[in-house]
């Protein structure tokens, strides 16, 4: 495989890693407990 194909695969893996990290942080680990809309203000 050429270097361009390996860089494309690496870019896709990096994008998936970022998406997984955001889902993990905001969906599971975010412990701010903002349940009520008045707490956002």
N, C-alpha and C. Protein backbone atom coordinates (compact mmCIF):
# COMPACT_ATOMS: atom_id res chain seq x y z
N UNK A 1 0.84 -1.20 0.00
CA UNK A 1 0.00 0.00 0.00
C UNK A 1 0.88 1.24 0.00
N UNK A 2 0.38 2.26 -0.64
CA UNK A 2 1.14 3.50 -0.71
C UNK A 2 0.95 4.32 0.56
N UNK A 3 1.79 5.30 0.72
CA UNK A 3 1.73 6.16 1.91
C UNK A 3 0.42 6.94 1.95
N UNK A 4 -0.13 7.25 0.80
CA UNK A 4 -1.38 8.00 0.76
C UNK A 4 -2.55 7.16 1.29
N UNK A 5 -2.56 5.87 0.98
CA UNK A 5 -3.62 4.99 1.51
C UNK A 5 -3.48 4.83 3.02
N UNK A 6 -2.23 4.68 3.51
CA UNK A 6 -2.02 4.56 4.95
C UNK A 6 -2.44 5.84 5.67
N UNK A 7 -2.16 7.01 5.07
CA UNK A 7 -2.58 8.26 5.73
C UNK A 7 -4.08 8.41 5.73
N UNK A 8 -4.76 7.94 4.70
CA UNK A 8 -6.22 7.97 4.69
C UNK A 8 -6.82 7.08 5.75
N UNK A 9 -6.24 5.89 5.92
CA UNK A 9 -6.71 4.98 6.97
C UNK A 9 -6.46 5.59 8.35
N UNK A 10 -5.30 6.21 8.53
CA UNK A 10 -4.98 6.84 9.81
C UNK A 10 -5.93 8.00 10.11
N UNK A 11 -6.31 8.76 9.10
CA UNK A 11 -7.22 9.88 9.30
C UNK A 11 -8.61 9.38 9.69
N UNK A 12 -9.07 8.31 9.08
CA UNK A 12 -10.37 7.74 9.44
C UNK A 12 -10.35 7.20 10.86
N UNK A 13 -9.27 6.52 11.24
CA UNK A 13 -9.16 6.00 12.60
C UNK A 13 -9.12 7.14 13.61
N UNK A 14 -8.41 8.21 13.29
CA UNK A 14 -8.35 9.36 14.19
C UNK A 14 -9.72 10.01 14.35
N UNK A 15 -10.46 10.15 13.27
CA UNK A 15 -11.80 10.73 13.36
C UNK A 15 -12.72 9.86 14.21
N UNK A 16 -12.64 8.55 14.05
CA UNK A 16 -13.45 7.64 14.87
C UNK A 16 -13.06 7.73 16.34
N UNK A 17 -11.78 7.91 16.61
CA UNK A 17 -11.31 8.05 17.98
C UNK A 17 -11.86 9.31 18.63
N UNK A 18 -11.86 10.43 17.89
CA UNK A 18 -12.42 11.67 18.41
C UNK A 18 -13.92 11.52 18.67
N UNK A 19 -14.64 10.93 17.75
CA UNK A 19 -16.09 10.75 17.94
C UNK A 19 -16.36 9.87 19.15
N UNK A 20 -15.62 8.77 19.29
CA UNK A 20 -15.78 7.89 20.44
C UNK A 20 -15.46 8.63 21.74
N UNK A 21 -14.43 9.46 21.73
CA UNK A 21 -14.06 10.22 22.93
C UNK A 21 -15.13 11.21 23.34
N UNK A 22 -15.71 11.91 22.38
CA UNK A 22 -16.77 12.86 22.70
C UNK A 22 -18.01 12.15 23.23
N UNK A 23 -18.37 11.03 22.62
CA UNK A 23 -19.52 10.26 23.10
C UNK A 23 -19.25 9.75 24.51
N UNK A 24 -18.06 9.27 24.75
CA UNK A 24 -17.71 8.75 26.07
C UNK A 24 -17.74 9.86 27.11
N UNK A 25 -17.18 11.01 26.79
CA UNK A 25 -17.12 12.09 27.78
C UNK A 25 -18.50 12.68 28.06
N UNK A 26 -19.21 13.08 27.01
CA UNK A 26 -20.49 13.75 27.22
C UNK A 26 -21.61 12.79 27.57
N UNK A 27 -21.51 11.55 27.18
CA UNK A 27 -22.57 10.60 27.45
C UNK A 27 -22.40 9.83 28.74
N UNK A 28 -21.17 9.54 29.11
CA UNK A 28 -20.93 8.66 30.26
C UNK A 28 -20.23 9.39 31.40
N UNK A 29 -19.17 10.10 31.11
CA UNK A 29 -18.32 10.64 32.17
C UNK A 29 -18.68 12.04 32.63
N UNK A 30 -19.53 12.74 31.90
CA UNK A 30 -19.88 14.11 32.28
C UNK A 30 -20.76 14.08 33.52
N UNK A 31 -20.21 14.50 34.64
CA UNK A 31 -20.91 14.43 35.92
C UNK A 31 -21.38 15.81 36.39
N UNK A 32 -21.78 16.68 35.48
CA UNK A 32 -22.19 18.01 35.88
C UNK A 32 -23.60 18.04 36.42
N UNK A 33 -24.40 17.01 36.15
CA UNK A 33 -25.75 16.88 36.69
C UNK A 33 -26.66 18.04 36.28
N UNK A 34 -26.60 18.44 35.01
CA UNK A 34 -27.48 19.48 34.50
C UNK A 34 -28.78 18.86 34.03
N UNK A 35 -29.64 18.49 34.97
CA UNK A 35 -30.89 17.84 34.62
C UNK A 35 -32.00 18.83 34.31
N UNK A 36 -32.04 19.90 35.05
CA UNK A 36 -33.12 20.87 34.91
C UNK A 36 -32.65 22.03 34.02
N UNK A 37 -33.56 22.58 33.19
CA UNK A 37 -33.14 23.68 32.30
C UNK A 37 -32.70 24.93 33.07
N UNK A 38 -33.24 25.17 34.25
CA UNK A 38 -32.83 26.37 34.98
C UNK A 38 -31.40 26.27 35.50
N UNK A 39 -30.85 25.11 35.55
CA UNK A 39 -29.45 24.96 35.97
C UNK A 39 -28.47 25.34 34.88
N UNK A 40 -28.94 25.37 33.63
CA UNK A 40 -28.06 25.78 32.54
C UNK A 40 -27.76 27.26 32.59
N UNK A 41 -28.62 28.04 33.18
CA UNK A 41 -28.47 29.50 33.20
C UNK A 41 -27.56 29.96 34.30
